[in-house]
């Protein structure tokens, strides 16, 4: 039975499950505390808090963009896809130009 996980008796939770539940409850508590604090803030403090939230959102977008730029494999796949797209487009344009040229020659 190598490779199998040991089973737990029914009703018992693992340390990881307990830790995740405690983390989730702590996060919920923090979010609730922030909402209570915002309700008690002055308009100037609320404006500052809103500015901080906007800055965090912008920072998250920037981090996401940097992460995507650092993903070399995905960028290589995208480059190959673009090359195929442009090659197909150039082939189609070449056909159109060739047909127009032949039509012009026939009219002479």
Protein backbone atom coordinates (compact mmCIF):
# COMPACT_ATOMS: atom_id res chain seq x y z
CA UNK A 1 0.00 0.00 0.00
CA UNK A 2 2.78 2.42 -0.76
CA UNK A 3 1.76 5.82 -2.01
CA UNK A 4 -1.59 5.81 -0.20
CA UNK A 5 -2.44 8.42 2.37
CA UNK A 6 -3.32 7.30 5.85
CA UNK A 7 -7.01 7.76 6.58
CA UNK A 8 -8.31 9.77 9.50
CA UNK A 9 -10.99 8.57 11.82
CA UNK A 10 -14.39 10.09 11.03
CA UNK A 11 -15.04 13.42 12.69
CA UNK A 12 -11.39 14.41 13.06
CA UNK A 13 -9.87 17.25 11.06
CA UNK A 14 -6.30 17.52 9.95
CA UNK A 15 -3.97 20.26 11.12
CA UNK A 16 -4.06 21.81 7.64
CA UNK A 17 -7.88 21.90 7.61
CA UNK A 18 -7.91 23.50 11.07
CA UNK A 19 -5.31 26.05 10.02
CA UNK A 20 -7.25 26.94 6.86
CA UNK A 21 -10.46 27.39 8.84
CA UNK A 22 -8.70 29.63 11.36
CA UNK A 23 -7.15 31.69 8.53
CA UNK A 24 -10.53 32.08 6.85
CA UNK A 25 -12.15 33.21 10.10
CA UNK A 26 -9.29 35.67 10.73
CA UNK A 27 -9.66 37.13 7.22
CA UNK A 28 -13.41 37.50 7.71
CA UNK A 29 -12.77 39.24 11.01
CA UNK A 30 -10.26 41.63 9.41
CA UNK A 31 -12.69 42.48 6.60
CA UNK A 32 -15.45 43.11 9.14
CA UNK A 33 -13.13 45.29 11.21
CA UNK A 34 -12.20 47.34 8.12
CA UNK A 35 -15.87 47.90 7.30
CA UNK A 36 -16.53 49.08 10.86
CA UNK A 37 -13.51 51.38 10.75
CA UNK A 38 -14.62 52.88 7.43
CA UNK A 39 -18.06 53.62 8.82
CA UNK A 40 -16.45 55.62 11.62
CA UNK A 41 -14.00 57.55 9.41
CA UNK A 42 -14.28 61.17 8.44
CA UNK A 43 -14.83 62.01 4.74
CA UNK A 44 -11.15 62.93 4.38
CA UNK A 45 -10.08 59.59 5.84
CA UNK A 46 -12.55 57.79 3.56
CA UNK A 47 -11.06 59.57 0.54
CA UNK A 48 -7.58 58.50 1.59
CA UNK A 49 -8.78 54.92 2.09
CA UNK A 50 -10.40 54.96 -1.37
CA UNK A 51 -7.15 56.26 -2.85
CA UNK A 52 -5.25 53.43 -1.15
CA UNK A 53 -7.73 50.90 -2.59
CA UNK A 54 -7.26 52.34 -6.10
CA UNK A 55 -3.49 52.21 -5.69
CA UNK A 56 -3.70 48.57 -4.57
CA UNK A 57 -5.82 47.70 -7.61
CA UNK A 58 -3.36 49.44 -9.93
CA UNK A 59 -0.46 47.66 -8.25
CA UNK A 60 -2.21 44.30 -8.67
CA UNK A 61 -2.66 45.03 -12.39
CA UNK A 62 1.00 45.99 -12.70
CA UNK A 63 2.12 42.82 -10.94
CA UNK A 64 -0.11 40.77 -13.24
CA UNK A 65 1.36 42.46 -16.33
CA UNK A 66 4.93 41.88 -15.09
CA UNK A 67 4.12 38.26 -14.34
CA UNK A 68 2.77 37.73 -17.84
CA UNK A 69 5.88 39.37 -19.33
CA UNK A 70 8.08 37.06 -17.28
CA UNK A 71 6.24 33.97 -18.60
CA UNK A 72 8.67 33.17 -21.40
CA UNK A 73 6.87 30.02 -22.59
CA UNK A 74 3.53 31.81 -23.02
CA UNK A 75 5.20 34.71 -24.82
CA UNK A 76 6.96 32.29 -27.19
CA UNK A 77 3.65 30.57 -27.97
CA UNK A 78 2.05 33.95 -28.63
CA UNK A 79 4.90 34.95 -30.96
CA UNK A 80 4.53 31.72 -32.94
CA UNK A 81 0.79 32.31 -33.19
CA UNK A 82 1.31 35.85 -34.46
CA UNK A 83 3.82 34.67 -37.05
CA UNK A 84 1.29 32.14 -38.33
CA UNK A 85 -1.42 34.81 -38.41
CA UNK A 86 0.71 37.27 -40.38
CA UNK A 87 1.96 34.55 -42.73
CA UNK A 88 -1.64 33.59 -43.50
CA UNK A 89 -2.62 37.21 -43.93
CA UNK A 90 0.34 37.85 -46.22
CA UNK A 91 -0.55 34.77 -48.26
CA UNK A 92 -4.12 35.97 -48.69
CA UNK A 93 -2.97 39.47 -49.60
CA UNK A 94 -0.55 38.01 -52.11
CA UNK A 95 -3.37 36.09 -53.76
CA UNK A 96 -5.54 39.21 -53.98
CA UNK A 97 -2.70 41.28 -55.45
CA UNK A 98 -1.84 38.54 -57.94
CA UNK A 99 -5.48 38.29 -59.07
CA UNK A 100 -5.69 42.08 -59.46
CA UNK A 101 -2.45 42.12 -61.46
CA UNK A 102 -3.66 39.34 -63.78
CA UNK A 103 -6.99 41.11 -64.27
CA UNK A 104 -5.16 44.33 -65.17
CA UNK A 105 -2.94 42.51 -67.67
CA UNK A 106 -5.95 40.91 -69.35
CA UNK A 107 -7.62 44.31 -69.83
CA UNK A 108 -4.69 45.65 -71.86
